Amino acid sequence: MKAKLQKLLEENQGTITEAVINEALNYWYDEPKQFFEDVLHYWCQWGTVSSMIYYTDTHKFYDTHYDEIEDIRLELQDQWILWNEPIDSDLKNYYSWLAYETVAYNIYNQLDMEGR
């Protein structure tokens, strides 16, 4: 899995995919698969992703990846996975977590499917 992640990393410089893969490769477990399973089970809001805990971090992430986050948000809206409900929390934080978790989910599924 690490070799596949390295290849994806090289192909996705400057993207949310790069941020997720870097975190997975530097996670405290030896196997990155555990990182993805933790993110998918506990999400960002439980502190699973050390780089996405504080508002200063999620706001910087949002500002850096705004266009990609907006693309993800619109795609999820188009698929009726996300709808226009009022959000009672910090918008930058909410959408940063949403995008990070979506990308982690997509990477995990892509690698899991390739491994079969």
Protein backbone atom coordinates (compact mmCIF):
# COMPACT_ATOMS: atom_id res chain seq x y z
CA MET A 1 0.00 0.00 0.00
CA LYS A 2 2.86 2.40 0.75
CA ALA A 3 4.18 2.09 -2.81
CA LYS A 4 0.74 2.88 -4.24
CA LEU A 5 0.42 5.86 -1.92
CA GLN A 6 3.85 7.14 -2.99
CA LYS A 7 2.79 6.94 -6.63
CA LEU A 8 -0.45 8.83 -5.90
CA LEU A 9 1.55 11.38 -3.92
CA GLU A 10 3.80 12.10 -6.90
CA GLU A 11 0.76 12.54 -9.16
CA ASN A 12 -1.11 14.90 -6.81
CA GLN A 13 1.29 17.57 -5.62
CA GLY A 14 -0.37 20.59 -4.02
CA THR A 15 -3.76 18.90 -3.59
CA ILE A 16 -5.84 17.61 -0.71
CA THR A 17 -4.83 14.12 -1.83
CA GLU A 18 -1.22 15.05 -1.12
CA ALA A 19 -2.13 16.29 2.38
CA VAL A 20 -4.07 13.11 3.18
CA ILE A 21 -1.34 10.79 1.88
CA ASN A 22 1.39 12.65 3.75
CA GLU A 23 -0.58 12.27 6.97
CA ALA A 24 -1.20 8.57 6.25
CA LEU A 25 2.47 7.87 5.57
CA ASN A 26 3.53 9.67 8.74
CA TYR A 27 0.80 8.22 10.97
CA TRP A 28 1.95 6.57 14.15
CA TYR A 29 0.88 3.12 12.94
CA ASP A 30 3.22 1.19 10.66
CA GLU A 31 0.47 0.52 8.14
CA PRO A 32 -1.23 3.49 6.44
CA LYS A 33 -4.40 1.44 6.01
CA GLN A 34 -5.05 1.92 9.74
CA PHE A 35 -4.93 5.69 9.27
CA PHE A 36 -7.65 5.56 6.63
CA GLU A 37 -9.78 3.24 8.72
CA ASP A 38 -9.43 5.59 11.71
CA VAL A 39 -10.42 8.63 9.63
CA LEU A 40 -13.41 6.80 8.17
CA HIS A 41 -14.49 5.51 11.57
CA TYR A 42 -13.76 8.50 13.83
CA TRP A 43 -13.64 11.39 11.32
CA CYS A 44 -11.65 14.56 11.77
CA GLN A 45 -13.83 15.92 14.56
CA TRP A 46 -12.43 13.38 17.03
CA GLY A 47 -8.85 14.54 16.52
CA THR A 48 -7.86 11.60 14.32
CA VAL A 49 -5.96 13.89 11.95
CA SER A 50 -3.36 15.79 13.91
CA SER A 51 -3.01 18.49 11.25
CA MET A 52 -6.76 19.23 11.32
CA ILE A 53 -7.46 19.78 15.02
CA TYR A 54 -7.24 23.54 15.52
CA TYR A 55 -9.18 26.26 13.72
CA THR A 56 -5.93 27.89 12.69
CA ASP A 57 -5.01 24.66 10.90
CA THR A 58 -8.39 24.06 9.27
CA HIS A 59 -8.67 27.71 8.20
CA LYS A 60 -5.24 27.57 6.58
CA PHE A 61 -6.20 24.27 4.90
CA TYR A 62 -9.43 25.84 3.63
CA ASP A 63 -7.68 28.92 2.27
CA THR A 64 -4.99 26.79 0.59
CA HIS A 65 -7.41 24.32 -0.99
CA TYR A 66 -10.46 26.55 -1.49
CA ASP A 67 -11.05 25.69 -5.15
CA GLU A 68 -10.75 21.96 -4.58
CA ILE A 69 -12.97 22.12 -1.48
CA GLU A 70 -15.60 24.03 -3.43
CA ASP A 71 -15.48 21.41 -6.22
CA ILE A 72 -15.99 18.63 -3.65
CA ARG A 73 -18.83 20.53 -1.98
CA LEU A 74 -20.63 21.09 -5.28
CA GLU A 75 -20.13 17.48 -6.35
CA LEU A 76 -21.58 16.21 -3.07
CA GLN A 77 -24.52 18.59 -3.45
CA ASP A 78 -25.13 17.36 -7.00
CA GLN A 79 -25.19 13.78 -5.72
CA TRP A 80 -27.58 14.72 -2.90
CA ILE A 81 -25.00 13.56 -0.36
CA LEU A 82 -24.83 17.13 0.93
CA TRP A 83 -27.71 19.55 0.89
CA ASN A 84 -28.25 23.14 1.84
CA GLU A 85 -28.87 22.85 5.54
CA PRO A 86 -27.70 25.56 7.87
CA ILE A 87 -24.34 24.75 9.40
CA ASP A 88 -24.10 25.63 13.07
CA SER A 89 -20.32 25.58 13.23
CA ASP A 90 -17.35 27.34 11.70
CA LEU A 91 -17.75 27.03 7.91
CA LYS A 92 -14.06 26.84 7.08
CA ASN A 93 -13.58 24.13 9.67
CA TYR A 94 -16.67 22.20 8.55
CA TYR A 95 -15.79 22.24 4.85
CA SER A 96 -12.13 21.46 5.49
CA TRP A 97 -13.11 18.36 7.44
CA LEU A 98 -15.71 17.40 4.84
CA ALA A 99 -13.22 17.65 1.98
CA TYR A 100 -10.45 15.87 3.89
CA GLU A 101 -12.74 12.99 4.86
CA THR A 102 -14.13 12.72 1.32
CA VAL A 103 -10.67 12.53 -0.21
CA ALA A 104 -9.53 10.00 2.41
CA TYR A 105 -12.61 7.89 1.63
CA ASN A 106 -11.90 8.04 -2.10
CA ILE A 107 -8.23 7.10 -1.67
CA TYR A 108 -9.08 4.23 0.66
CA ASN A 109 -11.68 2.85 -1.76
CA GLN A 110 -9.36 3.25 -4.73
CA LEU A 111 -6.52 1.39 -3.01
CA ASP A 112 -8.82 -1.22 -1.52
CA MET A 113 -10.34 -1.95 -4.91
CA GLU A 114 -6.90 -2.20 -6.54
CA GLY A 115 -5.79 -4.62 -3.83
CA ARG A 116 -8.56 -7.10 -4.63
